[in-house]
């Protein structure tokens, strides 16, 4: 069962954020912070289901993303992650959107260098479409391009689909200028 479904069920019965996090961890072994009011404003330990530190929320952005490559089950024992302490330190300064996109890009590049796969078209798509940066899940096929809210090129979603992405979507995120 996905974290989102577990969170929805637990909220329906009035469970607290901490109790939901622990239940999701017990069921899945690793969990995203979807039960938090501001999951985008924390450093989260997915294998411990706890907040490590609060961060400024991201600046307003439009994200266009999808999945590139086959689905992957999360392995709760997988601890191969690149170091990001320097990136967290940069984020604590409350970066503007170009700086936030650069932080996301650096994190994505580190993950790709560590985990692969080769041939990932996301970085090239970001450049071709004029994105401020790109992001990817540390495990799994989720990928995203980061755009200024008012500067998304026409056809960006189609470009991802043409590059082999599935379930392409867009959303707005962040809350500070």
Protein backbone atom coordinates (compact mmCIF):
# COMPACT_ATOMS: atom_id res chain seq x y z
CA UNK A 1 0.00 0.00 0.00
CA UNK A 2 1.34 3.44 -0.80
CA UNK A 3 2.18 6.02 1.83
CA UNK A 4 -0.52 8.32 0.42
CA UNK A 5 -3.23 5.68 0.90
CA UNK A 6 -2.05 4.88 4.42
CA UNK A 7 -2.01 8.57 5.33
CA UNK A 8 -5.54 9.06 3.98
CA UNK A 9 -6.87 6.11 5.97
CA UNK A 10 -5.11 7.18 9.17
CA UNK A 11 -6.33 10.76 8.85
CA UNK A 12 -9.88 9.48 8.40
CA UNK A 13 -9.69 7.95 11.87
CA UNK A 14 -8.01 11.01 13.41
CA UNK A 15 -4.50 9.65 13.99
CA UNK A 16 -1.71 12.11 14.83
CA UNK A 17 1.13 12.91 12.42
CA UNK A 18 3.62 10.95 14.53
CA UNK A 19 1.35 7.93 14.81
CA UNK A 20 0.71 8.00 11.06
CA UNK A 21 4.45 8.23 10.35
CA UNK A 22 5.20 5.26 12.61
CA UNK A 23 2.39 3.17 11.10
CA UNK A 24 3.62 3.92 7.57
CA UNK A 25 7.17 3.05 8.58
CA UNK A 26 6.04 -0.26 10.07
CA UNK A 27 4.12 -1.11 6.89
CA UNK A 28 6.67 0.09 4.34
CA UNK A 29 10.10 0.24 5.97
CA UNK A 30 10.68 3.72 4.54
CA UNK A 31 8.21 6.56 4.29
CA UNK A 32 7.80 10.00 2.75
CA UNK A 33 6.59 12.82 5.04
CA UNK A 34 3.16 13.10 3.41
CA UNK A 35 1.44 13.19 6.80
CA UNK A 36 3.06 16.54 7.65
CA UNK A 37 1.36 19.88 7.01
CA UNK A 38 4.53 21.17 5.29
CA UNK A 39 6.49 18.16 4.03
CA UNK A 40 8.45 20.48 1.75
CA UNK A 41 9.88 22.40 4.72
CA UNK A 42 11.78 19.66 6.54
CA UNK A 43 14.74 17.36 6.21
CA UNK A 44 13.12 13.98 6.70
CA UNK A 45 14.67 10.65 7.66
CA UNK A 46 12.55 8.18 5.65
CA UNK A 47 13.92 5.05 7.33
CA UNK A 48 13.26 6.51 10.81
CA UNK A 49 10.05 8.43 9.98
CA UNK A 50 11.16 11.58 11.73
CA UNK A 51 11.99 15.19 11.04
CA UNK A 52 15.71 15.90 11.31
CA UNK A 53 15.43 19.66 10.94
CA UNK A 54 13.04 22.33 9.73
CA UNK A 55 13.88 24.31 6.60
CA UNK A 56 12.45 27.35 4.86
CA UNK A 57 9.75 26.25 2.42
CA UNK A 58 10.68 26.33 -1.26
CA UNK A 59 10.02 29.39 -3.37
CA UNK A 60 7.08 29.32 -5.76
CA UNK A 61 7.77 27.16 -8.81
CA UNK A 62 6.06 25.11 -11.48
CA UNK A 63 7.20 21.50 -11.61
CA UNK A 64 6.75 19.30 -14.66
CA UNK A 65 7.64 15.70 -14.06
CA UNK A 66 6.92 12.07 -14.50
CA UNK A 67 8.59 8.71 -14.35
CA UNK A 68 11.54 7.67 -16.48
CA UNK A 69 12.37 4.00 -16.45
CA UNK A 70 10.67 1.01 -14.88
CA UNK A 71 8.96 1.16 -11.49
CA UNK A 72 11.18 0.28 -8.53
CA UNK A 73 10.11 -0.97 -5.13
CA UNK A 74 11.73 0.90 -2.26
CA UNK A 75 14.30 -1.21 -0.47
CA UNK A 76 14.24 -0.03 3.14
CA UNK A 77 17.74 -1.47 3.65
CA UNK A 78 19.23 0.58 0.80
CA UNK A 79 21.37 3.30 2.35
CA UNK A 80 23.35 4.35 -0.76
CA UNK A 81 22.72 8.08 -0.84
CA UNK A 82 25.10 10.86 -1.78
CA UNK A 83 26.13 13.37 0.88
CA UNK A 84 23.88 16.44 0.94
CA UNK A 85 24.89 18.27 4.13
CA UNK A 86 26.33 21.15 2.10
CA UNK A 87 23.09 21.42 0.11
CA UNK A 88 20.99 21.46 3.28
CA UNK A 89 23.22 24.25 4.63
CA UNK A 90 22.60 26.25 1.44
CA UNK A 91 18.84 25.66 1.71
CA UNK A 92 18.73 26.96 5.29
CA UNK A 93 19.57 30.39 3.84
CA UNK A 94 16.17 30.47 2.09
CA UNK A 95 17.34 30.41 -1.54
CA UNK A 96 15.50 32.22 -4.30
CA UNK A 97 14.11 30.05 -7.11
CA UNK A 98 17.24 29.95 -9.31
CA UNK A 99 19.40 29.01 -6.31
CA UNK A 100 16.86 26.43 -5.13
CA UNK A 101 16.77 24.90 -8.62
CA UNK A 102 20.58 24.77 -8.63
CA UNK A 103 20.54 22.95 -5.28
CA UNK A 104 18.01 20.43 -6.63
CA UNK A 105 20.12 19.93 -9.76
CA UNK A 106 23.28 19.30 -7.76
CA UNK A 107 21.44 16.74 -5.61
CA UNK A 108 20.05 15.03 -8.73
CA UNK A 109 23.47 14.94 -10.39
CA UNK A 110 25.01 13.37 -7.29
CA UNK A 111 22.31 10.73 -7.12
CA UNK A 112 22.68 9.91 -10.81
CA UNK A 113 26.46 9.65 -10.46
CA UNK A 114 26.03 7.24 -7.55
CA UNK A 115 23.04 5.18 -8.71
CA UNK A 116 22.67 5.70 -12.45
CA UNK A 117 21.08 4.85 -14.71
CA UNK A 118 23.04 5.92 -17.74
CA UNK A 119 21.08 7.50 -20.54
CA UNK A 120 18.73 9.50 -18.29
CA UNK A 121 17.46 12.33 -20.52
CA UNK A 122 16.32 14.64 -17.69
CA UNK A 123 19.35 16.96 -17.57
CA UNK A 124 19.33 17.40 -21.35
CA UNK A 125 15.58 18.08 -21.32
CA UNK A 126 16.06 20.71 -18.61
CA UNK A 127 18.64 22.48 -20.75
CA UNK A 128 16.64 22.19 -23.99
CA UNK A 129 13.42 23.46 -22.39
CA UNK A 130 15.07 26.28 -20.45
CA UNK A 131 14.25 24.88 -17.01
CA UNK A 132 15.95 26.49 -14.03
CA UNK A 133 16.96 23.01 -12.87
CA UNK A 134 15.89 19.43 -12.44
CA UNK A 135 15.28 16.94 -9.67
CA UNK A 136 14.94 13.22 -9.20
CA UNK A 137 14.00 10.78 -6.51
CA UNK A 138 16.93 9.35 -4.62
CA UNK A 139 15.51 5.91 -5.36
CA UNK A 140 13.10 5.15 -8.16
CA UNK A 141 12.16 6.68 -11.49
CA UNK A 142 10.55 10.02 -10.46
CA UNK A 143 12.07 12.98 -12.33
CA UNK A 144 11.08 16.66 -12.55
CA UNK A 145 11.97 19.93 -14.25
CA UNK A 146 11.84 23.17 -12.25
CA UNK A 147 10.43 26.29 -13.91
CA UNK A 148 9.56 29.79 -12.83
CA UNK A 149 5.78 29.84 -12.26
CA UNK A 150 5.24 32.19 -15.19
CA UNK A 151 7.84 30.80 -17.58
CA UNK A 152 6.85 27.28 -18.60
CA UNK A 153 7.40 26.62 -22.29
CA UNK A 154 4.51 25.37 -24.38
CA UNK A 155 4.92 21.69 -25.09
CA UNK A 156 7.07 20.89 -22.06
CA UNK A 157 4.85 18.00 -20.96
CA UNK A 158 4.80 16.62 -24.49
CA UNK A 159 8.61 16.81 -24.62
CA UNK A 160 8.86 14.63 -21.53
CA UNK A 161 6.42 12.12 -23.00
CA UNK A 162 8.41 12.04 -26.25
CA UNK A 163 11.58 11.37 -24.22
CA UNK A 164 9.99 8.25 -22.71
CA UNK A 165 8.56 9.62 -19.47
CA UNK A 166 5.28 8.11 -18.27
CA UNK A 167 2.51 9.61 -16.16
CA UNK A 168 3.69 13.14 -16.96
CA UNK A 169 2.11 15.82 -14.76
CA UNK A 170 2.61 19.39 -13.58
CA UNK A 171 1.95 21.23 -10.36
CA UNK A 172 2.80 24.40 -8.53
CA UNK A 173 4.82 24.22 -5.35
CA UNK A 174 6.34 26.48 -2.77
CA UNK A 175 4.86 29.42 -1.08
CA UNK A 176 7.41 32.12 -0.78
CA UNK A 177 8.47 34.50 -3.53
